[in-house]
């Protein structure tokens, strides 16, 4: 299993945007994203500090990506 990097919520949001997700809802400190192609939702907590590894793994699972795909979008430039 690939090792997950420590990411801020903003960085997770950037990866989701690059993967084709769009922001659909904000409630408190949580933002929900939707991908029309994959027809799936995922929620990212916007709390201070890094997103925990367990939460990050859940976000990746909900977005129907592999860890390799997720880190690939992380390295990808605009």
C-alpha atoms as a PDB file:
ATOM      1  CA  UNK A   1       0.000   0.000   0.000  1.00  0.00           C
ATOM      2  CA  UNK A   2       1.352   3.405  -0.958  1.00  0.00           C
ATOM      3  CA  UNK A   3       2.288   5.877   1.741  1.00  0.00           C
ATOM      4  CA  UNK A   4       0.077   8.937   1.990  1.00  0.00           C
ATOM      5  CA  UNK A   5       1.600  12.409   2.228  1.00  0.00           C
ATOM      6  CA  UNK A   6       0.630  14.937   4.911  1.00  0.00           C
ATOM      7  CA  UNK A   7      -1.721  17.388   3.207  1.00  0.00           C
ATOM      8  CA  UNK A   8      -3.561  20.534   4.174  1.00  0.00           C
ATOM      9  CA  UNK A   9      -7.274  20.715   3.305  1.00  0.00           C
ATOM     10  CA  UNK A  10      -6.486  23.255   0.547  1.00  0.00           C
ATOM     11  CA  UNK A  11      -4.136  20.749  -1.129  1.00  0.00           C
ATOM     12  CA  UNK A  12      -6.807  18.027  -0.986  1.00  0.00           C
ATOM     13  CA  UNK A  13      -9.266  20.472  -2.548  1.00  0.00           C
ATOM     14  CA  UNK A  14      -6.797  21.230  -5.361  1.00  0.00           C
ATOM     15  CA  UNK A  15      -6.411  17.518  -6.122  1.00  0.00           C
ATOM     16  CA  UNK A  16     -10.187  17.070  -6.237  1.00  0.00           C
ATOM     17  CA  UNK A  17     -10.588  20.026  -8.621  1.00  0.00           C
ATOM     18  CA  UNK A  18      -7.903  18.584 -10.906  1.00  0.00           C
ATOM     19  CA  UNK A  19      -9.744  15.244 -10.866  1.00  0.00           C
ATOM     20  CA  UNK A  20     -12.958  16.899 -12.075  1.00  0.00           C
ATOM     21  CA  UNK A  21     -14.824  17.490  -8.809  1.00  0.00           C
ATOM     22  CA  UNK A  22     -16.748  20.676  -8.100  1.00  0.00           C
ATOM     23  CA  UNK A  23     -17.771  22.274  -4.826  1.00  0.00           C
ATOM     24  CA  UNK A  24     -21.489  21.770  -4.230  1.00  0.00           C
ATOM     25  CA  UNK A  25     -22.054  22.540  -0.553  1.00  0.00           C
ATOM     26  CA  UNK A  26     -20.415  24.065   2.500  1.00  0.00           C
ATOM     27  CA  UNK A  27     -21.748  23.391   5.972  1.00  0.00           C
ATOM     28  CA  UNK A  28     -19.710  24.692   8.857  1.00  0.00           C
ATOM     29  CA  UNK A  29     -16.094  23.695   8.351  1.00  0.00           C
ATOM     30  CA  UNK A  30     -16.856  20.837   5.916  1.00  0.00           C
ATOM     31  CA  UNK A  31     -17.021  21.140   2.137  1.00  0.00           C
ATOM     32  CA  UNK A  32     -18.737  18.613  -0.121  1.00  0.00           C
ATOM     33  CA  UNK A  33     -17.553  17.948  -3.673  1.00  0.00           C
ATOM     34  CA  UNK A  34     -19.276  16.127  -6.534  1.00  0.00           C
ATOM     35  CA  UNK A  35     -17.905  14.516  -9.700  1.00  0.00           C
ATOM     36  CA  UNK A  36     -20.372  14.173 -12.567  1.00  0.00           C
ATOM     37  CA  UNK A  37     -18.226  11.659 -14.449  1.00  0.00           C
ATOM     38  CA  UNK A  38     -17.932   9.228 -11.533  1.00  0.00           C
ATOM     39  CA  UNK A  39     -21.270  10.231  -9.958  1.00  0.00           C
ATOM     40  CA  UNK A  40     -19.804  10.365  -6.448  1.00  0.00           C
ATOM     41  CA  UNK A  41     -19.616  12.758  -3.502  1.00  0.00           C
ATOM     42  CA  UNK A  42     -16.824  13.317  -1.004  1.00  0.00           C
ATOM     43  CA  UNK A  43     -16.518  15.621   2.007  1.00  0.00           C
ATOM     44  CA  UNK A  44     -13.347  17.369   3.171  1.00  0.00           C
ATOM     45  CA  UNK A  45     -13.039  18.832   6.687  1.00  0.00           C
ATOM     46  CA  UNK A  46     -11.434  22.293   6.623  1.00  0.00           C
ATOM     47  CA  UNK A  47      -9.894  22.288  10.099  1.00  0.00           C
ATOM     48  CA  UNK A  48      -6.532  23.822  11.027  1.00  0.00           C
ATOM     49  CA  UNK A  49      -3.525  21.602  10.359  1.00  0.00           C
ATOM     50  CA  UNK A  50      -3.168  18.521   8.195  1.00  0.00           C
ATOM     51  CA  UNK A  51      -5.920  16.108   7.202  1.00  0.00           C
ATOM     52  CA  UNK A  52      -5.357  12.883   9.148  1.00  0.00           C
ATOM     53  CA  UNK A  53      -4.232   9.858   7.148  1.00  0.00           C
ATOM     54  CA  UNK A  54      -7.380   7.875   7.937  1.00  0.00           C
ATOM     55  CA  UNK A  55      -9.589  10.739   6.795  1.00  0.00           C
ATOM     56  CA  UNK A  56      -7.467  11.216   3.679  1.00  0.00           C
ATOM     57  CA  UNK A  57      -7.780   7.518   2.840  1.00  0.00           C
ATOM     58  CA  UNK A  58     -11.580   7.782   3.267  1.00  0.00           C
ATOM     59  CA  UNK A  59     -11.672  10.823   0.945  1.00  0.00           C
ATOM     60  CA  UNK A  60      -9.701   8.890  -1.677  1.00  0.00           C
ATOM     61  CA  UNK A  61     -12.021   5.889  -1.336  1.00  0.00           C
ATOM     62  CA  UNK A  62     -15.151   8.072  -1.599  1.00  0.00           C
ATOM     63  CA  UNK A  63     -13.767   9.797  -4.691  1.00  0.00           C
ATOM     64  CA  UNK A  64     -13.279   6.381  -6.331  1.00  0.00           C
ATOM     65  CA  UNK A  65      -9.552   6.895  -6.909  1.00  0.00           C
ATOM     66  CA  UNK A  66      -6.518   4.882  -5.968  1.00  0.00           C
ATOM     67  CA  UNK A  67      -3.759   6.356  -3.825  1.00  0.00           C
ATOM     68  CA  UNK A  68      -1.518   6.385  -6.919  1.00  0.00           C
ATOM     69  CA  UNK A  69      -4.097   8.351  -8.935  1.00  0.00           C
ATOM     70  CA  UNK A  70      -4.569  10.793  -6.065  1.00  0.00           C
ATOM     71  CA  UNK A  71      -0.834  11.436  -5.667  1.00  0.00           C
ATOM     72  CA  UNK A  72      -0.537  11.708  -9.454  1.00  0.00           C
ATOM     73  CA  UNK A  73      -3.001  14.617  -9.441  1.00  0.00           C
ATOM     74  CA  UNK A  74      -1.059  16.082  -6.524  1.00  0.00           C
ATOM     75  CA  UNK A  75       2.164  16.186  -8.575  1.00  0.00           C
ATOM     76  CA  UNK A  76       0.450  17.332 -11.776  1.00  0.00           C
ATOM     77  CA  UNK A  77       0.900  20.988 -12.693  1.00  0.00           C
ATOM     78  CA  UNK A  78      -1.958  23.036 -14.100  1.00  0.00           C
END
